[in-house]
Amino acid sequence: MLKTSTTLDLSRADILARLDGATKERLRIPAREFVRLYRAGKLEDLGSFADLISLIYLLPEDDPLFADAA
């Protein structure tokens, strides 16, 4: 059996576009608001947002998105 692996390289712009698009579509809020709510512990059912949360952790800790969401 042949094993294959796929690597997806995402730029900061790609990550932000995916995150902002998904938060606006699913929650009707921008990414910075989603990050603020997540960091404040105000999101319920985190499992339903695991894909979005994983995108957050692809960004460096000093990313401007986090300052905007403070």
PDB file of N, CA and C in Angstrom:
ATOM      1  N   MET A   1       0.846  -1.176   0.000  1.00  0.00           N
ATOM      2  CA  MET A   1       0.000   0.000   0.000  1.00  0.00           C
ATOM      3  C   MET A   1       0.892   1.239   0.000  1.00  0.00           C
ATOM      4  N   LEU A   2       0.595   2.160  -0.847  1.00  0.00           N
ATOM      5  CA  LEU A   2       1.362   3.389  -0.982  1.00  0.00           C
ATOM      6  C   LEU A   2       0.837   4.433  -0.005  1.00  0.00           C
ATOM      7  N   LYS A   3       1.756   4.977   0.788  1.00  0.00           N
ATOM      8  CA  LYS A   3       1.373   6.036   1.714  1.00  0.00           C
ATOM      9  C   LYS A   3       1.673   7.373   1.069  1.00  0.00           C
ATOM     10  N   THR A   4       0.744   8.254   1.180  1.00  0.00           N
ATOM     11  CA  THR A   4       0.957   9.607   0.674  1.00  0.00           C
ATOM     12  C   THR A   4       0.681  10.592   1.788  1.00  0.00           C
ATOM     13  N   SER A   5       1.326  11.701   1.711  1.00  0.00           N
ATOM     14  CA  SER A   5       1.053  12.764   2.673  1.00  0.00           C
ATOM     15  C   SER A   5       0.908  14.062   1.899  1.00  0.00           C
ATOM     16  N   THR A   6       0.156  14.932   2.473  1.00  0.00           N
ATOM     17  CA  THR A   6      -0.080  16.223   1.845  1.00  0.00           C
ATOM     18  C   THR A   6       0.282  17.314   2.831  1.00  0.00           C
ATOM     19  N   THR A   7       1.009  18.272   2.350  1.00  0.00           N
ATOM     20  CA  THR A   7       1.350  19.428   3.158  1.00  0.00           C
ATOM     21  C   THR A   7       0.702  20.646   2.524  1.00  0.00           C
ATOM     22  N   LEU A   8       0.053  21.418   3.343  1.00  0.00           N
ATOM     23  CA  LEU A   8      -0.595  22.633   2.870  1.00  0.00           C
ATOM     24  C   LEU A   8       0.121  23.807   3.508  1.00  0.00           C
ATOM     25  N   ASP A   9       0.743  24.620   2.702  1.00  0.00           N
ATOM     26  CA  ASP A   9       1.410  25.817   3.200  1.00  0.00           C
ATOM     27  C   ASP A   9       0.436  26.982   3.114  1.00  0.00           C
ATOM     28  N   LEU A  10       0.211  27.608   4.246  1.00  0.00           N
ATOM     29  CA  LEU A  10      -0.699  28.750   4.291  1.00  0.00           C
ATOM     30  C   LEU A  10       0.066  29.998   4.716  1.00  0.00           C
ATOM     31  N   SER A  11      -0.090  31.041   3.961  1.00  0.00           N
ATOM     32  CA  SER A  11       0.490  32.325   4.351  1.00  0.00           C
ATOM     33  C   SER A  11      -0.412  32.948   5.418  1.00  0.00           C
ATOM     34  N   ARG A  12       0.064  34.015   6.028  1.00  0.00           N
ATOM     35  CA  ARG A  12      -0.757  34.727   7.002  1.00  0.00           C
ATOM     36  C   ARG A  12      -2.047  35.195   6.334  1.00  0.00           C
ATOM     37  N   ALA A  13      -1.933  35.699   5.131  1.00  0.00           N
ATOM     38  CA  ALA A  13      -3.114  36.170   4.405  1.00  0.00           C
ATOM     39  C   ALA A  13      -4.104  35.032   4.162  1.00  0.00           C
ATOM     40  N   ASP A  14      -3.592  33.850   3.829  1.00  0.00           N
ATOM     41  CA  ASP A  14      -4.462  32.683   3.632  1.00  0.00           C
ATOM     42  C   ASP A  14      -5.190  32.316   4.923  1.00  0.00           C
ATOM     43  N   ILE A  15      -4.451  32.303   6.013  1.00  0.00           N
ATOM     44  CA  ILE A  15      -5.038  31.940   7.310  1.00  0.00           C
ATOM     45  C   ILE A  15      -6.134  32.934   7.681  1.00  0.00           C
ATOM     46  N   LEU A  16      -5.827  34.221   7.555  1.00  0.00           N
ATOM     47  CA  LEU A  16      -6.811  35.251   7.914  1.00  0.00           C
ATOM     48  C   LEU A  16      -8.031  35.199   7.011  1.00  0.00           C
ATOM     49  N   ALA A  17      -7.823  34.949   5.737  1.00  0.00           N
ATOM     50  CA  ALA A  17      -8.957  34.861   4.811  1.00  0.00           C
ATOM     51  C   ALA A  17      -9.856  33.683   5.161  1.00  0.00           C
ATOM     52  N   ARG A  18      -9.262  32.544   5.451  1.00  0.00           N
ATOM     53  CA  ARG A  18     -10.049  31.357   5.825  1.00  0.00           C
ATOM     54  C   ARG A  18     -10.785  31.599   7.140  1.00  0.00           C
ATOM     55  N   LEU A  19     -10.073  32.155   8.118  1.00  0.00           N
ATOM     56  CA  LEU A  19     -10.663  32.391   9.435  1.00  0.00           C
ATOM     57  C   LEU A  19     -11.775  33.424   9.351  1.00  0.00           C
ATOM     58  N   ASP A  20     -11.527  34.536   8.699  1.00  0.00           N
ATOM     59  CA  ASP A  20     -12.528  35.592   8.610  1.00  0.00           C
ATOM     60  C   ASP A  20     -13.737  35.135   7.795  1.00  0.00           C
ATOM     61  N   GLY A  21     -13.486  34.437   6.711  1.00  0.00           N
ATOM     62  CA  GLY A  21     -14.596  33.942   5.899  1.00  0.00           C
ATOM     63  C   GLY A  21     -15.481  32.979   6.669  1.00  0.00           C
ATOM     64  N   ALA A  22     -14.853  32.071   7.410  1.00  0.00           N
ATOM     65  CA  ALA A  22     -15.615  31.070   8.168  1.00  0.00           C
ATOM     66  C   ALA A  22     -16.368  31.689   9.340  1.00  0.00           C
ATOM     67  N   THR A  23     -15.733  32.626  10.054  1.00  0.00           N
ATOM     68  CA  THR A  23     -16.432  33.229  11.198  1.00  0.00           C
ATOM     69  C   THR A  23     -17.592  34.094  10.734  1.00  0.00           C
ATOM     70  N   LYS A  24     -17.419  34.775   9.618  1.00  0.00           N
ATOM     71  CA  LYS A  24     -18.517  35.593   9.093  1.00  0.00           C
ATOM     72  C   LYS A  24     -19.659  34.719   8.590  1.00  0.00           C
ATOM     73  N   GLU A  25     -19.320  33.620   7.950  1.00  0.00           N
ATOM     74  CA  GLU A  25     -20.354  32.722   7.431  1.00  0.00           C
ATOM     75  C   GLU A  25     -21.091  31.987   8.549  1.00  0.00           C
ATOM     76  N   ARG A  26     -20.345  31.459   9.503  1.00  0.00           N
ATOM     77  CA  ARG A  26     -20.954  30.614  10.538  1.00  0.00           C
ATOM     78  C   ARG A  26     -21.494  31.386  11.721  1.00  0.00           C
ATOM     79  N   LEU A  27     -20.848  32.482  12.089  1.00  0.00           N
ATOM     80  CA  LEU A  27     -21.240  33.207  13.298  1.00  0.00           C
ATOM     81  C   LEU A  27     -21.673  34.646  13.039  1.00  0.00           C
ATOM     82  N   ARG A  28     -21.475  35.104  11.808  1.00  0.00           N
ATOM     83  CA  ARG A  28     -21.811  36.482  11.445  1.00  0.00           C
ATOM     84  C   ARG A  28     -20.981  37.512  12.204  1.00  0.00           C
ATOM     85  N   ILE A  29     -19.727  37.135  12.519  1.00  0.00           N
ATOM     86  CA  ILE A  29     -18.803  38.053  13.187  1.00  0.00           C
ATOM     87  C   ILE A  29     -17.443  37.963  12.491  1.00  0.00           C
ATOM     88  N   PRO A  30     -16.650  39.047  12.564  1.00  0.00           N
ATOM     89  CA  PRO A  30     -15.310  38.996  11.973  1.00  0.00           C
ATOM     90  C   PRO A  30     -14.353  38.158  12.821  1.00  0.00           C
ATOM     91  N   ALA A  31     -13.249  37.793  12.236  1.00  0.00           N
ATOM     92  CA  ALA A  31     -12.266  36.940  12.910  1.00  0.00           C
ATOM     93  C   ALA A  31     -11.766  37.560  14.209  1.00  0.00           C
ATOM     94  N   ARG A  32     -11.523  38.860  14.218  1.00  0.00           N
ATOM     95  CA  ARG A  32     -10.985  39.484  15.438  1.00  0.00           C
ATOM     96  C   ARG A  32     -11.960  39.354  16.603  1.00  0.00           C
ATOM     97  N   GLU A  33     -13.266  39.417  16.325  1.00  0.00           N
ATOM     98  CA  GLU A  33     -14.269  39.245  17.378  1.00  0.00           C
ATOM     99  C   GLU A  33     -14.296  37.799  17.858  1.00  0.00           C
ATOM    100  N   PHE A  34     -14.156  36.867  16.926  1.00  0.00           N
ATOM    101  CA  PHE A  34     -14.095  35.457  17.290  1.00  0.00           C
ATOM    102  C   PHE A  34     -12.900  35.197  18.212  1.00  0.00           C
ATOM    103  N   VAL A  35     -11.752  35.743  17.863  1.00  0.00           N
ATOM    104  CA  VAL A  35     -10.554  35.571  18.691  1.00  0.00           C
ATOM    105  C   VAL A  35     -10.773  36.185  20.069  1.00  0.00           C
ATOM    106  N   ARG A  36     -11.380  37.365  20.113  1.00  0.00           N
ATOM    107  CA  ARG A  36     -11.641  38.015  21.402  1.00  0.00           C
ATOM    108  C   ARG A  36     -12.548  37.160  22.275  1.00  0.00           C
ATOM    109  N   LEU A  37     -13.615  36.632  21.690  1.00  0.00           N
ATOM    110  CA  LEU A  37     -14.533  35.777  22.445  1.00  0.00           C
ATOM    111  C   LEU A  37     -13.849  34.488  22.899  1.00  0.00           C
ATOM    112  N   TYR A  38     -13.041  33.905  22.030  1.00  0.00           N
ATOM    113  CA  TYR A  38     -12.330  32.681  22.376  1.00  0.00           C
ATOM    114  C   TYR A  38     -11.370  32.920  23.533  1.00  0.00           C
ATOM    115  N   ARG A  39     -10.579  33.971  23.427  1.00  0.00           N
ATOM    116  CA  ARG A  39      -9.597  34.263  24.483  1.00  0.00           C
ATOM    117  C   ARG A  39     -10.255  34.661  25.797  1.00  0.00           C
ATOM    118  N   ALA A  40     -11.458  35.206  25.737  1.00  0.00           N
ATOM    119  CA  ALA A  40     -12.183  35.592  26.958  1.00  0.00           C
ATOM    120  C   ALA A  40     -12.966  34.422  27.549  1.00  0.00           C
ATOM    121  N   GLY A  41     -12.916  33.263  26.886  1.00  0.00           N
ATOM    122  CA  GLY A  41     -13.643  32.095  27.380  1.00  0.00           C
ATOM    123  C   GLY A  41     -15.149  32.210  27.217  1.00  0.00           C
ATOM    124  N   LYS A  42     -15.586  32.970  26.233  1.00  0.00           N
ATOM    125  CA  LYS A  42     -17.014  33.217  26.064  1.00  0.00           C
ATOM    126  C   LYS A  42     -17.659  32.415  24.941  1.00  0.00           C
ATOM    127  N   LEU A  43     -16.939  31.465  24.393  1.00  0.00           N
ATOM    128  CA  LEU A  43     -17.516  30.610  23.353  1.00  0.00           C
ATOM    129  C   LEU A  43     -17.964  29.297  23.973  1.00  0.00           C
ATOM    130  N   GLU A  44     -19.152  28.878  23.629  1.00  0.00           N
ATOM    131  CA  GLU A  44     -19.652  27.580  24.077  1.00  0.00           C
ATOM    132  C   GLU A  44     -19.431  26.568  22.967  1.00  0.00           C
ATOM    133  N   ASP A  45     -19.416  25.303  23.323  1.00  0.00           N
ATOM    134  CA  ASP A  45     -19.274  24.221  22.355  1.00  0.00           C
ATOM    135  C   ASP A  45     -18.034  24.393  21.483  1.00  0.00           C
ATOM    136  N   LEU A  46     -16.873  24.468  22.139  1.00  0.00           N
ATOM    137  CA  LEU A  46     -15.617  24.694  21.424  1.00  0.00           C
ATOM    138  C   LEU A  46     -15.347  23.640  20.359  1.00  0.00           C
ATOM    139  N   GLY A  47     -15.862  22.438  20.557  1.00  0.00           N
ATOM    140  CA  GLY A  47     -15.648  21.386  19.574  1.00  0.00           C
ATOM    141  C   GLY A  47     -16.184  21.741  18.204  1.00  0.00           C
ATOM    142  N   SER A  48     -17.236  22.521  18.168  1.00  0.00           N
ATOM    143  CA  SER A  48     -17.802  22.903  16.873  1.00  0.00           C
ATOM    144  C   SER A  48     -16.964  23.978  16.175  1.00  0.00           C
ATOM    145  N   PHE A  49     -15.997  24.537  16.894  1.00  0.00           N
ATOM    146  CA  PHE A  49     -15.121  25.550  16.325  1.00  0.00           C
ATOM    147  C   PHE A  49     -13.672  25.086  16.257  1.00  0.00           C
ATOM    148  N   ALA A  50     -13.435  23.801  16.404  1.00  0.00           N
ATOM    149  CA  ALA A  50     -12.058  23.282  16.433  1.00  0.00           C
ATOM    150  C   ALA A  50     -11.271  23.666  15.192  1.00  0.00           C
ATOM    151  N   ASP A  51     -11.904  23.662  14.048  1.00  0.00           N
ATOM    152  CA  ASP A  51     -11.205  24.030  12.811  1.00  0.00           C
ATOM    153  C   ASP A  51     -10.774  25.494  12.837  1.00  0.00           C
ATOM    154  N   LEU A  52     -11.619  26.354  13.378  1.00  0.00           N
ATOM    155  CA  LEU A  52     -11.288  27.771  13.453  1.00  0.00           C
ATOM    156  C   LEU A  52     -10.216  28.033  14.499  1.00  0.00           C
ATOM    157  N   ILE A  53     -10.321  27.362  15.620  1.00  0.00           N
ATOM    158  CA  ILE A  53      -9.334  27.509  16.685  1.00  0.00           C
ATOM    159  C   ILE A  53      -7.965  27.031  16.206  1.00  0.00           C
ATOM    160  N   SER A  54      -7.947  25.956  15.426  1.00  0.00           N
ATOM    161  CA  SER A  54      -6.656  25.464  14.923  1.00  0.00           C
ATOM    162  C   SER A  54      -6.012  26.493  13.997  1.00  0.00           C
ATOM    163  N   LEU A  55      -6.804  27.239  13.245  1.00  0.00           N
ATOM    164  CA  LEU A  55      -6.243  28.296  12.402  1.00  0.00           C
ATOM    165  C   LEU A  55      -5.604  29.395  13.248  1.00  0.00           C
ATOM    166  N   ILE A  56      -6.224  29.724  14.366  1.00  0.00           N
ATOM    167  CA  ILE A  56      -5.665  30.737  15.267  1.00  0.00           C
ATOM    168  C   ILE A  56      -4.259  30.348  15.696  1.00  0.00           C
ATOM    169  N   TYR A  57      -4.069  29.065  16.028  1.00  0.00           N
ATOM    170  CA  TYR A  57      -2.784  28.605  16.538  1.00  0.00           C
ATOM    171  C   TYR A  57      -1.715  28.468  15.463  1.00  0.00           C
ATOM    172  N   LEU A  58      -2.066  28.696  14.211  1.00  0.00           N
ATOM    173  CA  LEU A  58      -1.060  28.729  13.147  1.00  0.00           C
ATOM    174  C   LEU A  58      -0.371  30.090  13.071  1.00  0.00           C
ATOM    175  N   LEU A  59      -0.962  31.070  13.712  1.00  0.00           N
ATOM    176  CA  LEU A  59      -0.387  32.416  13.720  1.00  0.00           C
ATOM    177  C   LEU A  59       0.570  32.582  14.889  1.00  0.00           C
ATOM    178  N   PRO A  60       1.616  33.388  14.732  1.00  0.00           N
ATOM    179  CA  PRO A  60       2.524  33.628  15.856  1.00  0.00           C
ATOM    180  C   PRO A  60       1.816  34.391  16.973  1.00  0.00           C
ATOM    181  N   GLU A  61       2.296  34.215  18.185  1.00  0.00           N
ATOM    182  CA  GLU A  61       1.652  34.845  19.352  1.00  0.00           C
ATOM    183  C   GLU A  61       1.599  36.363  19.268  1.00  0.00           C
ATOM    184  N   ASP A  62       2.518  36.957  18.536  1.00  0.00           N
ATOM    185  CA  ASP A  62       2.548  38.416  18.437  1.00  0.00           C
ATOM    186  C   ASP A  62       1.855  38.943  17.182  1.00  0.00           C
ATOM    187  N   ASP A  63       1.022  38.114  16.564  1.00  0.00           N
ATOM    188  CA  ASP A  63       0.319  38.535  15.358  1.00  0.00           C
ATOM    189  C   ASP A  63      -0.611  39.702  15.675  1.00  0.00           C
ATOM    190  N   PRO A  64      -0.698  40.671  14.776  1.00  0.00           N
ATOM    191  CA  PRO A  64      -1.570  41.831  15.010  1.00  0.00           C
ATOM    192  C   PRO A  64      -3.037  41.487  15.241  1.00  0.00           C
ATOM    193  N   LEU A  65      -3.498  40.349  14.742  1.00  0.00           N
ATOM    194  CA  LEU A  65      -4.887  39.947  14.967  1.00  0.00           C
ATOM    195  C   LEU A  65      -5.186  39.843  16.450  1.00  0.00           C
ATOM    196  N   PHE A  66      -4.208  39.379  17.229  1.00  0.00           N
ATOM    197  CA  PHE A  66      -4.430  39.211  18.662  1.00  0.00           C
ATOM    198  C   PHE A  66      -4.475  40.557  19.369  1.00  0.00           C
ATOM    199  N   ALA A  67      -3.712  41.514  18.913  1.00  0.00           N
ATOM    200  CA  ALA A  67      -3.766  42.857  19.510  1.00  0.00           C
ATOM    201  C   ALA A  67      -5.096  43.503  19.185  1.00  0.00           C
ATOM    202  N   ASP A  68      -5.571  43.291  17.948  1.00  0.00           N
ATOM    203  CA  ASP A  68      -6.863  43.855  17.533  1.00  0.00           C
ATOM    204  C   ASP A  68      -8.016  43.253  18.328  1.00  0.00           C
ATOM    205  N   ALA A  69      -7.835  42.013  18.789  1.00  0.00           N
ATOM    206  CA  ALA A  69      -8.918  41.302  19.475  1.00  0.00           C
ATOM    207  C   ALA A  69      -8.869  41.480  20.975  1.00  0.00           C
ATOM    208  N   ALA A  70      -7.916  42.251  21.461  1.00  0.00           N
ATOM    209  CA  ALA A  70      -7.765  42.422  22.923  1.00  0.00           C
ATOM    210  C   ALA A  70      -8.846  43.280  23.512  1.00  0.00           C
TER     211      ALA A  70
END
